[in-house]
Amino acid sequence: GWNDFSQSVIGHLNAAGKKVAIITKDKRDIEIIREYYSTDEAYVLYSDFNNFELMEKSNIRKASIVFINLQDDTEKLVYIINIKKHFPGLNYVVTLDNGNLKNTFYHAGVTYAISKNEISSKLLASYIYEPDVALFSEEIIAFAHSDDDYDMKQVQVKEGNPLTGMFYDKAFFDLKKESNVVLIGLVKVVDGKRQMLKNPEGPVKIEKGDYLVLLMDRKGHQRLKHLFHIEEGL
């Protein structure tokens, strides 16, 4: 689906160096999309959303995640049930107008269900009583466009990463000293489920396959890539 919201999302993804495929059933969208993005940034497929065979052209089976961006929550729920029959092994994300439907979508097989109203209300409340925190929150969830902008990134610990086998607290101090990067969490995959350890205490070791959650500016990101040869994301 294509609208102003998806355009904003794609803008952030492209800024982070991620390529996207857009599937739209409105021919008029194609010309507009082409005005904004080059073919290297976005692949566009004109297709009815129920033509799952044609969707294969978008390389959907190899997608990191599929964003279902339809008109209303009911339409999204019905579509999730249908598309999962054809592409059962994929990750799906939706935004919801009604946050009370989160569990319903999770039961339907959605990986992430995000309530627009919940996020907006939390940010607005923060602006009311801690505006500097709110400003920083907005900055760190977006891509760092300049050297002085900060954002949060997650990176996987791969073979050869010198942090493998290191205790969390030592990695924390080493990253800050060497790259001005702040380690704020660790994600371990246990029995196929992701377990987030937020600034863990005690003797927690970093292991191959874990994900590090890091706070950094763009200069810190470049230093980290040079030291550890890592890329952000899943």
C-alpha atoms as a PDB file:
ATOM      1  CA  GLY A   1       0.000   0.000   0.000  1.00  0.00           C
ATOM      2  CA  TRP A   2       1.148   3.536  -0.766  1.00  0.00           C
ATOM      3  CA  ASN A   3       0.257   6.812   0.987  1.00  0.00           C
ATOM      4  CA  ASP A   4       1.932   9.737   2.752  1.00  0.00           C
ATOM      5  CA  PHE A   5       2.751   7.599   5.771  1.00  0.00           C
ATOM      6  CA  SER A   6       4.527   4.896   3.775  1.00  0.00           C
ATOM      7  CA  GLN A   7       6.409   7.628   1.918  1.00  0.00           C
ATOM      8  CA  SER A   8       7.728   8.917   5.250  1.00  0.00           C
ATOM      9  CA  VAL A   9       8.721   5.403   6.372  1.00  0.00           C
ATOM     10  CA  ILE A  10      10.546   4.723   3.107  1.00  0.00           C
ATOM     11  CA  GLY A  11      12.407   8.002   3.445  1.00  0.00           C
ATOM     12  CA  HIS A  12      13.907   6.821   6.741  1.00  0.00           C
ATOM     13  CA  LEU A  13      14.687   3.351   5.364  1.00  0.00           C
ATOM     14  CA  ASN A  14      16.463   4.767   2.327  1.00  0.00           C
ATOM     15  CA  ALA A  15      18.456   7.132   4.528  1.00  0.00           C
ATOM     16  CA  ALA A  16      19.642   4.077   6.460  1.00  0.00           C
ATOM     17  CA  GLY A  17      20.719   2.418   3.204  1.00  0.00           C
ATOM     18  CA  LYS A  18      17.843  -0.067   3.053  1.00  0.00           C
ATOM     19  CA  LYS A  19      16.172  -0.984  -0.235  1.00  0.00           C
ATOM     20  CA  VAL A  20      12.427  -1.434  -0.443  1.00  0.00           C
ATOM     21  CA  ALA A  21       9.828  -2.930  -2.748  1.00  0.00           C
ATOM     22  CA  ILE A  22       6.499  -1.125  -2.971  1.00  0.00           C
ATOM     23  CA  ILE A  23       3.372  -2.982  -4.079  1.00  0.00           C
ATOM     24  CA  THR A  24       0.467  -0.758  -5.102  1.00  0.00           C
ATOM     25  CA  LYS A  25      -2.854  -1.465  -6.802  1.00  0.00           C
ATOM     26  CA  ASP A  26      -3.272   2.129  -7.990  1.00  0.00           C
ATOM     27  CA  LYS A  27      -1.522   2.930 -11.278  1.00  0.00           C
ATOM     28  CA  ARG A  28      -1.458   6.620 -10.409  1.00  0.00           C
ATOM     29  CA  ASP A  29       0.907   5.904  -7.523  1.00  0.00           C
ATOM     30  CA  ILE A  30       3.662   4.587  -9.777  1.00  0.00           C
ATOM     31  CA  GLU A  31       4.464   7.931 -11.398  1.00  0.00           C
ATOM     32  CA  ILE A  32       4.482   9.675  -7.999  1.00  0.00           C
ATOM     33  CA  ILE A  33       6.771   7.032  -6.478  1.00  0.00           C
ATOM     34  CA  ARG A  34       9.186   7.329  -9.401  1.00  0.00           C
ATOM     35  CA  GLU A  35       9.433  11.082  -8.758  1.00  0.00           C
ATOM     36  CA  TYR A  36      10.691  10.423  -5.233  1.00  0.00           C
ATOM     37  CA  TYR A  37      12.880   7.327  -5.578  1.00  0.00           C
ATOM     38  CA  SER A  38      15.322   5.912  -8.073  1.00  0.00           C
ATOM     39  CA  THR A  39      15.070   2.275  -9.162  1.00  0.00           C
ATOM     40  CA  ASP A  40      18.045   1.529  -6.876  1.00  0.00           C
ATOM     41  CA  GLU A  41      16.144   2.850  -3.863  1.00  0.00           C
ATOM     42  CA  ALA A  42      12.713   1.375  -4.506  1.00  0.00           C
ATOM     43  CA  TYR A  43      11.275  -1.329  -6.737  1.00  0.00           C
ATOM     44  CA  VAL A  44       7.622  -0.704  -7.643  1.00  0.00           C
ATOM     45  CA  LEU A  45       5.143  -3.436  -8.523  1.00  0.00           C
ATOM     46  CA  TYR A  46       1.642  -2.713  -9.824  1.00  0.00           C
ATOM     47  CA  SER A  47      -0.579  -5.552  -8.681  1.00  0.00           C
ATOM     48  CA  ASP A  48      -3.861  -6.433  -7.059  1.00  0.00           C
ATOM     49  CA  PHE A  49      -3.053  -7.272  -3.442  1.00  0.00           C
ATOM     50  CA  ASN A  50      -4.666 -10.690  -3.763  1.00  0.00           C
ATOM     51  CA  ASN A  51      -2.570 -11.693  -6.773  1.00  0.00           C
ATOM     52  CA  PHE A  52      -0.020 -13.523  -4.647  1.00  0.00           C
ATOM     53  CA  GLU A  53       1.620 -15.179  -7.624  1.00  0.00           C
ATOM     54  CA  LEU A  54       2.452 -11.818  -9.182  1.00  0.00           C
ATOM     55  CA  MET A  55       3.797 -10.598  -5.842  1.00  0.00           C
ATOM     56  CA  GLU A  56       6.695 -13.020  -6.268  1.00  0.00           C
ATOM     57  CA  LYS A  57       8.191 -10.443  -8.658  1.00  0.00           C
ATOM     58  CA  SER A  58       8.837  -8.164  -5.697  1.00  0.00           C
ATOM     59  CA  ASN A  59      11.130 -10.816  -4.157  1.00  0.00           C
ATOM     60  CA  ILE A  60       8.762 -10.883  -1.204  1.00  0.00           C
ATOM     61  CA  ARG A  61       9.942 -14.285   0.030  1.00  0.00           C
ATOM     62  CA  LYS A  62      13.362 -12.786   0.818  1.00  0.00           C
ATOM     63  CA  ALA A  63      12.031  -9.657   2.509  1.00  0.00           C
ATOM     64  CA  SER A  64      13.319  -8.823   5.997  1.00  0.00           C
ATOM     65  CA  ILE A  65       9.811  -7.713   6.889  1.00  0.00           C
ATOM     66  CA  VAL A  66       6.528  -6.939   5.117  1.00  0.00           C
ATOM     67  CA  PHE A  67       4.675  -3.751   6.060  1.00  0.00           C
ATOM     68  CA  ILE A  68       0.911  -4.144   5.541  1.00  0.00           C
ATOM     69  CA  ASN A  69      -0.222  -0.572   4.907  1.00  0.00           C
ATOM     70  CA  LEU A  70      -3.936  -0.803   4.068  1.00  0.00           C
ATOM     71  CA  GLN A  71      -6.792   1.561   4.865  1.00  0.00           C
ATOM     72  CA  ASP A  72      -8.234   0.321   8.165  1.00  0.00           C
ATOM     73  CA  ASP A  73      -7.568  -2.224  10.906  1.00  0.00           C
ATOM     74  CA  THR A  74     -10.263  -4.653   9.763  1.00  0.00           C
ATOM     75  CA  GLU A  75      -8.931  -4.729   6.216  1.00  0.00           C
ATOM     76  CA  LYS A  76      -5.395  -5.277   7.539  1.00  0.00           C
ATOM     77  CA  LEU A  77      -6.475  -8.173   9.758  1.00  0.00           C
ATOM     78  CA  VAL A  78      -8.300 -10.003   6.970  1.00  0.00           C
ATOM     79  CA  TYR A  79      -5.355  -9.460   4.635  1.00  0.00           C
ATOM     80  CA  ILE A  80      -2.794 -10.732   7.176  1.00  0.00           C
ATOM     81  CA  ILE A  81      -4.739 -13.985   7.490  1.00  0.00           C
ATOM     82  CA  ASN A  82      -4.828 -14.401   3.703  1.00  0.00           C
ATOM     83  CA  ILE A  83      -1.237 -13.453   2.892  1.00  0.00           C
ATOM     84  CA  LYS A  84       0.182 -15.735   5.594  1.00  0.00           C
ATOM     85  CA  LYS A  85      -1.399 -18.705   3.812  1.00  0.00           C
ATOM     86  CA  HIS A  86       0.808 -17.944   0.791  1.00  0.00           C
ATOM     87  CA  PHE A  87       3.913 -16.576   2.566  1.00  0.00           C
ATOM     88  CA  PRO A  88       3.850 -18.199   6.040  1.00  0.00           C
ATOM     89  CA  GLY A  89       7.507 -17.812   6.973  1.00  0.00           C
ATOM     90  CA  LEU A  90       7.772 -14.017   6.733  1.00  0.00           C
ATOM     91  CA  ASN A  91       7.774 -11.266   9.356  1.00  0.00           C
ATOM     92  CA  TYR A  92       4.872  -8.824   9.183  1.00  0.00           C
ATOM     93  CA  VAL A  93       4.356  -5.395  10.731  1.00  0.00           C
ATOM     94  CA  VAL A  94       1.206  -3.243  10.891  1.00  0.00           C
ATOM     95  CA  THR A  95       0.244   0.099  12.376  1.00  0.00           C
ATOM     96  CA  LEU A  96      -3.090   0.211  14.191  1.00  0.00           C
ATOM     97  CA  ASP A  97      -5.639   2.942  14.772  1.00  0.00           C
ATOM     98  CA  ASN A  98      -7.153   0.876  17.589  1.00  0.00           C
ATOM     99  CA  GLY A  99      -4.472  -0.220  20.040  1.00  0.00           C
ATOM    100  CA  ASN A 100      -6.910  -2.661  21.684  1.00  0.00           C
ATOM    101  CA  LEU A 101      -6.523  -4.927  18.641  1.00  0.00           C
ATOM    102  CA  LYS A 102      -2.827  -5.610  19.252  1.00  0.00           C
ATOM    103  CA  ASN A 103      -3.330  -9.083  20.705  1.00  0.00           C
ATOM    104  CA  THR A 104      -5.750  -9.973  17.915  1.00  0.00           C
ATOM    105  CA  PHE A 105      -3.084  -9.171  15.335  1.00  0.00           C
ATOM    106  CA  TYR A 106      -0.409 -11.054  17.254  1.00  0.00           C
ATOM    107  CA  HIS A 107      -2.661 -14.126  17.345  1.00  0.00           C
ATOM    108  CA  ALA A 108      -3.136 -13.720  13.579  1.00  0.00           C
ATOM    109  CA  GLY A 109       0.625 -14.037  13.116  1.00  0.00           C
ATOM    110  CA  VAL A 110       1.876 -10.446  12.959  1.00  0.00           C
ATOM    111  CA  THR A 111       5.436  -9.967  14.216  1.00  0.00           C
ATOM    112  CA  TYR A 112       5.005  -6.331  15.285  1.00  0.00           C
ATOM    113  CA  ALA A 113       1.762  -4.384  15.811  1.00  0.00           C
ATOM    114  CA  ILE A 114       2.280  -0.678  16.485  1.00  0.00           C
ATOM    115  CA  SER A 115      -0.432   1.624  17.812  1.00  0.00           C
ATOM    116  CA  LYS A 116      -0.056   5.097  16.326  1.00  0.00           C
ATOM    117  CA  ASN A 117      -2.092   6.634  19.156  1.00  0.00           C
ATOM    118  CA  GLU A 118       0.012   4.978  21.874  1.00  0.00           C
ATOM    119  CA  ILE A 119       3.260   6.284  20.423  1.00  0.00           C
ATOM    120  CA  SER A 120       1.850   9.775  19.832  1.00  0.00           C
ATOM    121  CA  SER A 121       0.360  10.022  23.329  1.00  0.00           C
ATOM    122  CA  LYS A 122       3.606   8.894  25.001  1.00  0.00           C
ATOM    123  CA  LEU A 123       5.642  11.418  23.014  1.00  0.00           C
ATOM    124  CA  LEU A 124       3.155  14.218  23.667  1.00  0.00           C
ATOM    125  CA  ALA A 125       3.140  13.514  27.420  1.00  0.00           C
ATOM    126  CA  SER A 126       6.930  13.575  27.367  1.00  0.00           C
ATOM    127  CA  TYR A 127       6.937  16.955  25.601  1.00  0.00           C
ATOM    128  CA  ILE A 128       4.631  18.310  28.312  1.00  0.00           C
ATOM    129  CA  TYR A 129       6.778  17.432  31.332  1.00  0.00           C
ATOM    130  CA  GLU A 130      10.255  16.564  29.951  1.00  0.00           C
ATOM    131  CA  PRO A 131      10.611  18.268  26.556  1.00  0.00           C
ATOM    132  CA  ASP A 132      14.367  17.695  26.231  1.00  0.00           C
ATOM    133  CA  VAL A 133      13.867  13.954  26.699  1.00  0.00           C
ATOM    134  CA  ALA A 134      11.134  14.046  24.055  1.00  0.00           C
ATOM    135  CA  LEU A 135      13.383  15.852  21.578  1.00  0.00           C
ATOM    136  CA  PHE A 136      16.173  13.340  22.160  1.00  0.00           C
ATOM    137  CA  SER A 137      13.712  10.439  21.868  1.00  0.00           C
ATOM    138  CA  GLU A 138      12.635  11.647  18.435  1.00  0.00           C
ATOM    139  CA  GLU A 139      16.249  11.943  17.339  1.00  0.00           C
ATOM    140  CA  ILE A 140      17.413   8.513  18.490  1.00  0.00           C
ATOM    141  CA  ILE A 141      14.622   6.549  16.807  1.00  0.00           C
ATOM    142  CA  ALA A 142      15.417   8.098  13.429  1.00  0.00           C
ATOM    143  CA  PHE A 143      18.438   7.770  11.143  1.00  0.00           C
ATOM    144  CA  ALA A 144      21.359  10.089  11.957  1.00  0.00           C
ATOM    145  CA  HIS A 145      21.561  12.471   8.994  1.00  0.00           C
ATOM    146  CA  SER A 146      24.508  14.530  10.235  1.00  0.00           C
ATOM    147  CA  ASP A 147      27.686  13.724  12.194  1.00  0.00           C
ATOM    148  CA  ASP A 148      26.228  15.264  15.355  1.00  0.00           C
ATOM    149  CA  ASP A 149      22.872  13.455  15.198  1.00  0.00           C
ATOM    150  CA  TYR A 150      22.416  10.446  17.453  1.00  0.00           C
ATOM    151  CA  ASP A 151      20.397   7.302  16.883  1.00  0.00           C
ATOM    152  CA  MET A 152      20.040   3.804  18.275  1.00  0.00           C
ATOM    153  CA  LYS A 153      21.228   0.850  16.252  1.00  0.00           C
ATOM    154  CA  GLN A 154      21.219  -2.894  16.691  1.00  0.00           C
ATOM    155  CA  VAL A 155      24.070  -4.954  15.329  1.00  0.00           C
ATOM    156  CA  GLN A 156      24.685  -8.684  15.383  1.00  0.00           C
ATOM    157  CA  VAL A 157      27.811 -10.173  16.940  1.00  0.00           C
ATOM    158  CA  LYS A 158      29.277 -12.248  14.118  1.00  0.00           C
ATOM    159  CA  GLU A 159      32.249 -14.560  13.725  1.00  0.00           C
ATOM    160  CA  GLY A 160      35.501 -12.762  14.511  1.00  0.00           C
ATOM    161  CA  ASN A 161      33.949  -9.910  16.482  1.00  0.00           C
ATOM    162  CA  PRO A 162      36.422  -9.122  19.310  1.00  0.00           C
ATOM    163  CA  LEU A 163      33.536  -8.593  21.744  1.00  0.00           C
ATOM    164  CA  THR A 164      32.633 -12.294  21.544  1.00  0.00           C
ATOM    165  CA  GLY A 165      33.091 -13.903  24.972  1.00  0.00           C
ATOM    166  CA  MET A 166      33.560 -10.520  26.666  1.00  0.00           C
ATOM    167  CA  PHE A 167      31.544  -9.513  29.731  1.00  0.00           C
ATOM    168  CA  TYR A 168      28.900  -6.856  29.089  1.00  0.00           C
ATOM    169  CA  ASP A 169      30.362  -4.289  31.490  1.00  0.00           C
ATOM    170  CA  LYS A 170      33.840  -4.513  29.911  1.00  0.00           C
ATOM    171  CA  ALA A 171      32.347  -4.145  26.421  1.00  0.00           C
ATOM    172  CA  PHE A 172      30.429  -1.104  27.697  1.00  0.00           C
ATOM    173  CA  PHE A 173      33.596   0.695  28.802  1.00  0.00           C
ATOM    174  CA  ASP A 174      35.655  -0.390  25.779  1.00  0.00           C
ATOM    175  CA  LEU A 175      33.035   0.815  23.284  1.00  0.00           C
ATOM    176  CA  LYS A 176      32.717   4.172  25.022  1.00  0.00           C
ATOM    177  CA  LYS A 177      36.486   4.654  25.207  1.00  0.00           C
ATOM    178  CA  GLU A 178      37.366   3.502  21.681  1.00  0.00           C
ATOM    179  CA  SER A 179      34.368   4.669  19.632  1.00  0.00           C
ATOM    180  CA  ASN A 180      32.297   7.007  21.841  1.00  0.00           C
ATOM    181  CA  VAL A 181      29.477   4.484  21.487  1.00  0.00           C
ATOM    182  CA  VAL A 182      27.172   3.650  24.407  1.00  0.00           C
ATOM    183  CA  LEU A 183      26.065   0.035  24.824  1.00  0.00           C
ATOM    184  CA  ILE A 184      22.540   0.111  26.298  1.00  0.00           C
ATOM    185  CA  GLY A 185      21.260  -3.429  25.832  1.00  0.00           C
ATOM    186  CA  LEU A 186      21.814  -6.963  24.651  1.00  0.00           C
ATOM    187  CA  VAL A 187      19.431  -9.283  22.796  1.00  0.00           C
ATOM    188  CA  LYS A 188      19.834 -13.031  23.080  1.00  0.00           C
ATOM    189  CA  VAL A 189      17.848 -15.563  21.087  1.00  0.00           C
ATOM    190  CA  VAL A 190      16.751 -18.366  23.431  1.00  0.00           C
ATOM    191  CA  ASP A 191      14.762 -21.294  21.991  1.00  0.00           C
ATOM    192  CA  GLY A 192      13.876 -19.183  18.979  1.00  0.00           C
ATOM    193  CA  LYS A 193      12.578 -16.291  21.101  1.00  0.00           C
ATOM    194  CA  ARG A 194      14.269 -12.909  21.406  1.00  0.00           C
ATOM    195  CA  GLN A 195      15.150 -11.856  24.943  1.00  0.00           C
ATOM    196  CA  MET A 196      16.014  -8.204  25.528  1.00  0.00           C
ATOM    197  CA  LEU A 197      18.436  -7.508  28.403  1.00  0.00           C
ATOM    198  CA  LYS A 198      18.293  -3.771  29.092  1.00  0.00           C
ATOM    199  CA  ASN A 199      21.597  -2.582  30.545  1.00  0.00           C
ATOM    200  CA  PRO A 200      22.002  -5.929  32.361  1.00  0.00           C
ATOM    201  CA  GLU A 201      23.722  -6.259  35.722  1.00  0.00           C
ATOM    202  CA  GLY A 202      25.986  -9.081  36.779  1.00  0.00           C
ATOM    203  CA  PRO A 203      28.296 -11.366  34.780  1.00  0.00           C
ATOM    204  CA  VAL A 204      26.529 -11.373  31.421  1.00  0.00           C
ATOM    205  CA  LYS A 205      28.682 -12.540  28.505  1.00  0.00           C
ATOM    206  CA  ILE A 206      28.345 -11.455  24.895  1.00  0.00           C
ATOM    207  CA  GLU A 207      28.114 -14.436  22.556  1.00  0.00           C
ATOM    208  CA  LYS A 208      28.167 -14.987  18.820  1.00  0.00           C
ATOM    209  CA  GLY A 209      24.684 -14.413  17.415  1.00  0.00           C
ATOM    210  CA  ASP A 210      23.669 -11.893  20.081  1.00  0.00           C
ATOM    211  CA  TYR A 211      22.516  -8.418  19.108  1.00  0.00           C
ATOM    212  CA  LEU A 212      23.995  -5.292  20.657  1.00  0.00           C
ATOM    213  CA  VAL A 213      21.736  -2.263  21.117  1.00  0.00           C
ATOM    214  CA  LEU A 214      23.870   0.851  20.824  1.00  0.00           C
ATOM    215  CA  LEU A 215      23.538   4.613  21.044  1.00  0.00           C
ATOM    216  CA  MET A 216      25.864   6.524  18.736  1.00  0.00           C
ATOM    217  CA  ASP A 217      26.318   9.471  16.423  1.00  0.00           C
ATOM    218  CA  ARG A 218      27.250   9.018  12.778  1.00  0.00           C
ATOM    219  CA  LYS A 219      30.961   9.380  13.494  1.00  0.00           C
ATOM    220  CA  GLY A 220      30.695   6.633  16.092  1.00  0.00           C
ATOM    221  CA  HIS A 221      28.956   4.414  13.557  1.00  0.00           C
ATOM    222  CA  GLN A 222      31.806   4.834  11.095  1.00  0.00           C
ATOM    223  CA  ARG A 223      34.391   4.033  13.769  1.00  0.00           C
ATOM    224  CA  LEU A 224      32.445   0.948  14.802  1.00  0.00           C
ATOM    225  CA  LYS A 225      32.181  -0.312  11.224  1.00  0.00           C
ATOM    226  CA  HIS A 226      35.932   0.095  10.831  1.00  0.00           C
ATOM    227  CA  LEU A 227      36.758  -1.718  14.064  1.00  0.00           C
ATOM    228  CA  PHE A 228      34.261  -4.572  13.946  1.00  0.00           C
ATOM    229  CA  HIS A 229      33.126  -4.777  10.302  1.00  0.00           C
ATOM    230  CA  ILE A 230      29.444  -4.760  11.230  1.00  0.00           C
ATOM    231  CA  GLU A 231      26.198  -3.645   9.650  1.00  0.00           C
ATOM    232  CA  GLU A 232      23.097  -2.619  11.549  1.00  0.00           C
ATOM    233  CA  GLY A 233      19.741  -4.393  11.489  1.00  0.00           C
ATOM    234  CA  LEU A 234      18.579  -7.984  11.606  1.00  0.00           C
END
